[in-house]
Amino acid sequence: MTIDQLTAFFGWCIVINVGLILLIVLFTAMANKEGFPFAVAARLFGVSTEKVRFTHLLVVQQYRFSVVVLNVVPYVALKLLAWP
Protein backbone atom coordinates (compact mmCIF):
# COMPACT_ATOMS: atom_id res chain seq x y z
CA MET A 1 0.00 0.00 0.00
CA THR A 2 1.10 3.52 -0.67
CA ILE A 3 1.00 6.40 1.78
CA ASP A 4 -1.91 7.92 -0.16
CA GLN A 5 -3.95 4.72 0.12
CA LEU A 6 -3.28 4.42 3.84
CA THR A 7 -4.15 8.09 4.34
CA ALA A 8 -7.45 7.59 2.51
CA PHE A 9 -8.16 4.46 4.59
CA PHE A 10 -7.60 6.24 7.90
CA GLY A 11 -9.57 9.24 6.66
CA TRP A 12 -12.60 7.04 5.98
CA CYS A 13 -12.10 5.30 9.34
CA ILE A 14 -12.32 8.71 11.02
CA VAL A 15 -15.48 9.62 9.09
CA ILE A 16 -17.21 6.34 9.99
CA ASN A 17 -16.18 6.42 13.66
CA VAL A 18 -17.14 10.08 14.14
CA GLY A 19 -20.51 9.26 12.58
CA LEU A 20 -20.96 6.43 15.07
CA ILE A 21 -20.00 8.71 17.94
CA LEU A 22 -22.58 11.26 16.79
CA LEU A 23 -25.24 8.54 16.66
CA ILE A 24 -24.31 7.45 20.18
CA VAL A 25 -24.54 11.04 21.42
CA LEU A 26 -27.96 11.41 19.77
CA PHE A 27 -29.13 8.14 21.33
CA THR A 28 -27.86 9.25 24.72
CA ALA A 29 -29.58 12.63 24.46
CA MET A 30 -32.89 10.99 23.56
CA ALA A 31 -32.48 8.26 26.17
CA ASN A 32 -31.81 10.80 28.92
CA LYS A 33 -35.21 12.40 28.28
CA GLU A 34 -37.15 9.13 28.36
CA GLY A 35 -34.87 7.02 30.53
CA PHE A 36 -36.30 3.82 29.05
CA PRO A 37 -33.12 2.16 27.67
CA PHE A 38 -31.17 2.85 30.85
CA ALA A 39 -33.98 1.48 33.03
CA VAL A 40 -34.19 -1.70 30.94
CA ALA A 41 -30.42 -2.21 31.13
CA ALA A 42 -30.49 -1.56 34.88
CA ARG A 43 -33.16 -4.21 35.41
CA LEU A 44 -31.42 -6.63 33.05
CA PHE A 45 -28.08 -6.41 34.86
CA GLY A 46 -29.44 -5.82 38.36
CA VAL A 47 -27.75 -2.47 38.94
CA SER A 48 -28.99 1.07 39.46
CA THR A 49 -29.90 3.34 36.57
CA GLU A 50 -27.17 5.76 37.63
CA LYS A 51 -24.58 2.96 37.41
CA VAL A 52 -25.77 2.20 33.85
CA ARG A 53 -25.54 5.87 32.86
CA PHE A 54 -22.05 6.15 34.37
CA THR A 55 -20.87 2.98 32.61
CA HIS A 56 -22.33 4.20 29.32
CA LEU A 57 -20.43 7.48 29.71
CA LEU A 58 -17.17 5.62 30.42
CA VAL A 59 -17.61 3.38 27.37
CA VAL A 60 -18.29 6.36 25.10
CA GLN A 61 -15.22 8.16 26.44
CA GLN A 62 -13.04 5.09 25.90
CA TYR A 63 -14.39 4.73 22.35
CA ARG A 64 -13.62 8.39 21.59
CA PHE A 65 -10.11 8.00 22.97
CA SER A 66 -9.52 4.85 20.91
CA VAL A 67 -10.73 6.63 17.76
CA VAL A 68 -8.20 9.39 18.36
CA VAL A 69 -5.34 7.01 19.14
CA LEU A 70 -6.06 4.41 16.46
CA ASN A 71 -7.40 6.61 13.64
CA VAL A 72 -6.57 10.29 14.02
CA VAL A 73 -2.95 9.91 15.11
CA PRO A 74 -1.97 7.60 12.21
CA TYR A 75 -3.86 9.86 9.79
CA VAL A 76 -1.94 12.93 10.95
CA ALA A 77 1.35 11.01 10.87
CA LEU A 78 0.71 9.86 7.30
CA LYS A 79 -0.26 13.39 6.25
CA LEU A 80 3.03 14.63 7.71
CA LEU A 81 4.95 11.92 5.86
CA ALA A 82 3.34 12.89 2.56
CA TRP A 83 3.89 16.59 3.13
CA PRO A 84 6.51 17.91 0.67
C-alpha atoms as a PDB file:
ATOM      1  CA  MET A   1       0.000   0.000   0.000  1.00  0.00           C
ATOM      2  CA  THR A   2       1.097   3.515  -0.666  1.00  0.00           C
ATOM      3  CA  ILE A   3       1.003   6.404   1.779  1.00  0.00           C
ATOM      4  CA  ASP A   4      -1.908   7.918  -0.158  1.00  0.00           C
ATOM      5  CA  GLN A   5      -3.949   4.722   0.121  1.00  0.00           C
ATOM      6  CA  LEU A   6      -3.281   4.420   3.842  1.00  0.00           C
ATOM      7  CA  THR A   7      -4.154   8.094   4.338  1.00  0.00           C
ATOM      8  CA  ALA A   8      -7.451   7.592   2.511  1.00  0.00           C
ATOM      9  CA  PHE A   9      -8.155   4.461   4.588  1.00  0.00           C
ATOM     10  CA  PHE A  10      -7.598   6.238   7.900  1.00  0.00           C
ATOM     11  CA  GLY A  11      -9.567   9.241   6.663  1.00  0.00           C
ATOM     12  CA  TRP A  12     -12.604   7.041   5.982  1.00  0.00           C
ATOM     13  CA  CYS A  13     -12.104   5.300   9.341  1.00  0.00           C
ATOM     14  CA  ILE A  14     -12.320   8.709  11.018  1.00  0.00           C
ATOM     15  CA  VAL A  15     -15.480   9.622   9.094  1.00  0.00           C
ATOM     16  CA  ILE A  16     -17.207   6.339   9.988  1.00  0.00           C
ATOM     17  CA  ASN A  17     -16.180   6.421  13.661  1.00  0.00           C
ATOM     18  CA  VAL A  18     -17.142  10.081  14.145  1.00  0.00           C
ATOM     19  CA  GLY A  19     -20.515   9.256  12.577  1.00  0.00           C
ATOM     20  CA  LEU A  20     -20.964   6.429  15.072  1.00  0.00           C
ATOM     21  CA  ILE A  21     -20.000   8.711  17.936  1.00  0.00           C
ATOM     22  CA  LEU A  22     -22.579  11.264  16.790  1.00  0.00           C
ATOM     23  CA  LEU A  23     -25.244   8.536  16.660  1.00  0.00           C
ATOM     24  CA  ILE A  24     -24.314   7.450  20.183  1.00  0.00           C
ATOM     25  CA  VAL A  25     -24.542  11.040  21.417  1.00  0.00           C
ATOM     26  CA  LEU A  26     -27.963  11.408  19.765  1.00  0.00           C
ATOM     27  CA  PHE A  27     -29.128   8.141  21.328  1.00  0.00           C
ATOM     28  CA  THR A  28     -27.862   9.255  24.725  1.00  0.00           C
ATOM     29  CA  ALA A  29     -29.576  12.631  24.464  1.00  0.00           C
ATOM     30  CA  MET A  30     -32.888  10.990  23.560  1.00  0.00           C
ATOM     31  CA  ALA A  31     -32.484   8.257  26.168  1.00  0.00           C
ATOM     32  CA  ASN A  32     -31.806  10.798  28.919  1.00  0.00           C
ATOM     33  CA  LYS A  33     -35.206  12.396  28.278  1.00  0.00           C
ATOM     34  CA  GLU A  34     -37.149   9.131  28.358  1.00  0.00           C
ATOM     35  CA  GLY A  35     -34.871   7.019  30.532  1.00  0.00           C
ATOM     36  CA  PHE A  36     -36.302   3.817  29.051  1.00  0.00           C
ATOM     37  CA  PRO A  37     -33.121   2.158  27.669  1.00  0.00           C
ATOM     38  CA  PHE A  38     -31.173   2.845  30.853  1.00  0.00           C
ATOM     39  CA  ALA A  39     -33.979   1.483  33.029  1.00  0.00           C
ATOM     40  CA  VAL A  40     -34.186  -1.700  30.941  1.00  0.00           C
ATOM     41  CA  ALA A  41     -30.421  -2.213  31.132  1.00  0.00           C
ATOM     42  CA  ALA A  42     -30.486  -1.557  34.882  1.00  0.00           C
ATOM     43  CA  ARG A  43     -33.165  -4.211  35.411  1.00  0.00           C
ATOM     44  CA  LEU A  44     -31.417  -6.627  33.053  1.00  0.00           C
ATOM     45  CA  PHE A  45     -28.080  -6.414  34.859  1.00  0.00           C
ATOM     46  CA  GLY A  46     -29.439  -5.817  38.356  1.00  0.00           C
ATOM     47  CA  VAL A  47     -27.753  -2.473  38.940  1.00  0.00           C
ATOM     48  CA  SER A  48     -28.990   1.068  39.463  1.00  0.00           C
ATOM     49  CA  THR A  49     -29.900   3.345  36.571  1.00  0.00           C
ATOM     50  CA  GLU A  50     -27.167   5.758  37.628  1.00  0.00           C
ATOM     51  CA  LYS A  51     -24.584   2.961  37.411  1.00  0.00           C
ATOM     52  CA  VAL A  52     -25.767   2.195  33.848  1.00  0.00           C
ATOM     53  CA  ARG A  53     -25.537   5.869  32.863  1.00  0.00           C
ATOM     54  CA  PHE A  54     -22.049   6.146  34.369  1.00  0.00           C
ATOM     55  CA  THR A  55     -20.872   2.975  32.611  1.00  0.00           C
ATOM     56  CA  HIS A  56     -22.325   4.202  29.324  1.00  0.00           C
ATOM     57  CA  LEU A  57     -20.432   7.477  29.707  1.00  0.00           C
ATOM     58  CA  LEU A  58     -17.172   5.620  30.417  1.00  0.00           C
ATOM     59  CA  VAL A  59     -17.610   3.376  27.371  1.00  0.00           C
ATOM     60  CA  VAL A  60     -18.287   6.359  25.104  1.00  0.00           C
ATOM     61  CA  GLN A  61     -15.219   8.161  26.444  1.00  0.00           C
ATOM     62  CA  GLN A  62     -13.037   5.090  25.895  1.00  0.00           C
ATOM     63  CA  TYR A  63     -14.389   4.735  22.346  1.00  0.00           C
ATOM     64  CA  ARG A  64     -13.622   8.393  21.586  1.00  0.00           C
ATOM     65  CA  PHE A  65     -10.111   7.996  22.973  1.00  0.00           C
ATOM     66  CA  SER A  66      -9.518   4.850  20.908  1.00  0.00           C
ATOM     67  CA  VAL A  67     -10.727   6.631  17.760  1.00  0.00           C
ATOM     68  CA  VAL A  68      -8.204   9.388  18.360  1.00  0.00           C
ATOM     69  CA  VAL A  69      -5.336   7.013  19.137  1.00  0.00           C
ATOM     70  CA  LEU A  70      -6.058   4.406  16.465  1.00  0.00           C
ATOM     71  CA  ASN A  71      -7.397   6.614  13.642  1.00  0.00           C
ATOM     72  CA  VAL A  72      -6.570  10.290  14.019  1.00  0.00           C
ATOM     73  CA  VAL A  73      -2.947   9.913  15.115  1.00  0.00           C
ATOM     74  CA  PRO A  74      -1.971   7.597  12.206  1.00  0.00           C
ATOM     75  CA  TYR A  75      -3.859   9.855   9.787  1.00  0.00           C
ATOM     76  CA  VAL A  76      -1.939  12.935  10.948  1.00  0.00           C
ATOM     77  CA  ALA A  77       1.354  11.013  10.874  1.00  0.00           C
ATOM     78  CA  LEU A  78       0.714   9.865   7.303  1.00  0.00           C
ATOM     79  CA  LYS A  79      -0.260  13.390   6.255  1.00  0.00           C
ATOM     80  CA  LEU A  80       3.025  14.633   7.708  1.00  0.00           C
ATOM     81  CA  LEU A  81       4.954  11.923   5.856  1.00  0.00           C
ATOM     82  CA  ALA A  82       3.336  12.888   2.557  1.00  0.00           C
ATOM     83  CA  TRP A  83       3.893  16.587   3.134  1.00  0.00           C
ATOM     84  CA  PRO A  84       6.511  17.909   0.666  1.00  0.00           C
END
